[in-house]
């Protein structure tokens, strides 16, 4: 993911690449490639989660991307709590 890119842009670029190369990916594989392509702080937050679909991964990544992190020392465990709360909202 480029620094100026948001998760939606990354997903669109990934979908375009998949189409252009005629790759046949399952939703789980698409989700795996998407998460692996995210910036480190988003990737670390999403990787250990049991996210079943690409759409859910994109939704969580976009919410986390939009959430300002006030404290730069925010631990990964706190980010996981944020994700859990986001999952409970939907």
C-alpha atoms as a PDB file:
ATOM      1  CA  UNK A   1       0.000   0.000   0.000  1.00  0.00           C
ATOM      2  CA  UNK A   2       1.378   3.376  -0.964  1.00  0.00           C
ATOM      3  CA  UNK A   3       1.580   6.010   1.801  1.00  0.00           C
ATOM      4  CA  UNK A   4      -0.946   8.249   0.006  1.00  0.00           C
ATOM      5  CA  UNK A   5      -3.299   5.353  -0.683  1.00  0.00           C
ATOM      6  CA  UNK A   6      -6.271   4.315   1.412  1.00  0.00           C
ATOM      7  CA  UNK A   7      -7.496   0.707   1.768  1.00  0.00           C
ATOM      8  CA  UNK A   8     -10.244   1.249  -0.840  1.00  0.00           C
ATOM      9  CA  UNK A   9      -7.710   2.396  -3.461  1.00  0.00           C
ATOM     10  CA  UNK A  10      -5.470  -0.557  -2.654  1.00  0.00           C
ATOM     11  CA  UNK A  11      -8.387  -2.976  -3.041  1.00  0.00           C
ATOM     12  CA  UNK A  12      -9.322  -1.457  -6.409  1.00  0.00           C
ATOM     13  CA  UNK A  13      -5.713  -1.713  -7.611  1.00  0.00           C
ATOM     14  CA  UNK A  14      -5.516  -5.323  -6.411  1.00  0.00           C
ATOM     15  CA  UNK A  15      -8.805  -6.215  -8.161  1.00  0.00           C
ATOM     16  CA  UNK A  16      -7.526  -4.623 -11.372  1.00  0.00           C
ATOM     17  CA  UNK A  17      -4.288  -6.600 -11.182  1.00  0.00           C
ATOM     18  CA  UNK A  18      -6.192  -9.822 -10.577  1.00  0.00           C
ATOM     19  CA  UNK A  19      -8.423  -9.106 -13.596  1.00  0.00           C
ATOM     20  CA  UNK A  20      -5.485  -8.140 -15.817  1.00  0.00           C
ATOM     21  CA  UNK A  21      -3.586 -11.333 -15.011  1.00  0.00           C
ATOM     22  CA  UNK A  22      -6.671 -13.575 -15.271  1.00  0.00           C
ATOM     23  CA  UNK A  23      -5.917 -15.019 -11.852  1.00  0.00           C
ATOM     24  CA  UNK A  24      -8.642 -17.152 -10.332  1.00  0.00           C
ATOM     25  CA  UNK A  25      -8.662 -16.380  -6.620  1.00  0.00           C
ATOM     26  CA  UNK A  26     -11.102 -17.440  -3.963  1.00  0.00           C
ATOM     27  CA  UNK A  27     -12.434 -14.756  -1.634  1.00  0.00           C
ATOM     28  CA  UNK A  28     -10.132 -16.106   1.089  1.00  0.00           C
ATOM     29  CA  UNK A  29      -7.079 -15.798  -1.193  1.00  0.00           C
ATOM     30  CA  UNK A  30      -8.092 -12.273  -2.230  1.00  0.00           C
ATOM     31  CA  UNK A  31      -8.474 -11.400   1.447  1.00  0.00           C
ATOM     32  CA  UNK A  32      -5.011 -12.843   2.195  1.00  0.00           C
ATOM     33  CA  UNK A  33      -3.363 -10.812  -0.613  1.00  0.00           C
ATOM     34  CA  UNK A  34      -5.224  -7.675   0.468  1.00  0.00           C
ATOM     35  CA  UNK A  35      -4.144  -7.954   4.108  1.00  0.00           C
ATOM     36  CA  UNK A  36      -0.548  -8.721   3.076  1.00  0.00           C
ATOM     37  CA  UNK A  37      -0.507  -5.552   0.931  1.00  0.00           C
ATOM     38  CA  UNK A  38      -1.623  -3.183   3.691  1.00  0.00           C
ATOM     39  CA  UNK A  39       0.679  -0.817   5.553  1.00  0.00           C
ATOM     40  CA  UNK A  40       2.393  -2.478   8.528  1.00  0.00           C
ATOM     41  CA  UNK A  41       0.155  -1.049  11.257  1.00  0.00           C
ATOM     42  CA  UNK A  42      -3.015  -2.177   9.453  1.00  0.00           C
ATOM     43  CA  UNK A  43      -1.501  -5.523   8.433  1.00  0.00           C
ATOM     44  CA  UNK A  44      -0.392  -6.270  12.005  1.00  0.00           C
ATOM     45  CA  UNK A  45      -3.869  -5.477  13.280  1.00  0.00           C
ATOM     46  CA  UNK A  46      -5.706  -7.598  10.697  1.00  0.00           C
ATOM     47  CA  UNK A  47      -3.368 -10.586  10.299  1.00  0.00           C
ATOM     48  CA  UNK A  48      -4.260 -12.516  13.483  1.00  0.00           C
ATOM     49  CA  UNK A  49      -7.993 -11.903  13.042  1.00  0.00           C
ATOM     50  CA  UNK A  50     -10.346 -14.536  11.660  1.00  0.00           C
ATOM     51  CA  UNK A  51     -11.818 -12.471   8.846  1.00  0.00           C
ATOM     52  CA  UNK A  52     -13.983 -14.589   6.592  1.00  0.00           C
ATOM     53  CA  UNK A  53     -14.444 -12.348   3.558  1.00  0.00           C
ATOM     54  CA  UNK A  54     -12.589  -9.746   1.535  1.00  0.00           C
ATOM     55  CA  UNK A  55     -15.451  -7.283   2.042  1.00  0.00           C
ATOM     56  CA  UNK A  56     -15.118  -7.574   5.830  1.00  0.00           C
ATOM     57  CA  UNK A  57     -11.334  -7.113   5.662  1.00  0.00           C
ATOM     58  CA  UNK A  58     -11.790  -3.999   3.530  1.00  0.00           C
ATOM     59  CA  UNK A  59     -14.434  -2.594   5.883  1.00  0.00           C
ATOM     60  CA  UNK A  60     -12.249  -3.090   8.968  1.00  0.00           C
ATOM     61  CA  UNK A  61      -9.135  -1.730   7.227  1.00  0.00           C
ATOM     62  CA  UNK A  62     -11.022   1.383   6.122  1.00  0.00           C
ATOM     63  CA  UNK A  63     -12.358   2.008   9.618  1.00  0.00           C
ATOM     64  CA  UNK A  64      -8.920   1.555  11.164  1.00  0.00           C
ATOM     65  CA  UNK A  65      -7.359   3.773   8.499  1.00  0.00           C
ATOM     66  CA  UNK A  66      -9.843   6.535   9.337  1.00  0.00           C
ATOM     67  CA  UNK A  67      -9.373   6.178  13.103  1.00  0.00           C
ATOM     68  CA  UNK A  68      -6.704   8.566  14.313  1.00  0.00           C
ATOM     69  CA  UNK A  69      -4.172   6.979  16.624  1.00  0.00           C
ATOM     70  CA  UNK A  70      -3.566   9.575  19.289  1.00  0.00           C
ATOM     71  CA  UNK A  71      -0.756   7.760  21.032  1.00  0.00           C
ATOM     72  CA  UNK A  72       2.068   6.515  18.803  1.00  0.00           C
ATOM     73  CA  UNK A  73       2.944   3.924  21.443  1.00  0.00           C
ATOM     74  CA  UNK A  74      -0.467   2.282  21.016  1.00  0.00           C
ATOM     75  CA  UNK A  75       0.102  -1.423  21.354  1.00  0.00           C
ATOM     76  CA  UNK A  76      -1.083  -4.034  18.876  1.00  0.00           C
ATOM     77  CA  UNK A  77      -3.282  -5.530  21.607  1.00  0.00           C
ATOM     78  CA  UNK A  78      -5.201  -2.252  21.836  1.00  0.00           C
ATOM     79  CA  UNK A  79      -5.639  -2.248  18.055  1.00  0.00           C
ATOM     80  CA  UNK A  80      -7.042  -5.790  18.298  1.00  0.00           C
ATOM     81  CA  UNK A  81      -9.593  -4.540  20.841  1.00  0.00           C
ATOM     82  CA  UNK A  82     -10.548  -1.808  18.350  1.00  0.00           C
ATOM     83  CA  UNK A  83     -11.067  -4.414  15.621  1.00  0.00           C
ATOM     84  CA  UNK A  84     -13.125  -6.613  17.933  1.00  0.00           C
ATOM     85  CA  UNK A  85     -15.335  -3.633  18.769  1.00  0.00           C
ATOM     86  CA  UNK A  86     -15.708  -2.773  15.082  1.00  0.00           C
ATOM     87  CA  UNK A  87     -16.726  -6.366  14.336  1.00  0.00           C
ATOM     88  CA  UNK A  88     -19.340  -6.278  17.083  1.00  0.00           C
ATOM     89  CA  UNK A  89     -20.875  -3.099  15.622  1.00  0.00           C
ATOM     90  CA  UNK A  90     -21.776  -4.822  12.354  1.00  0.00           C
END
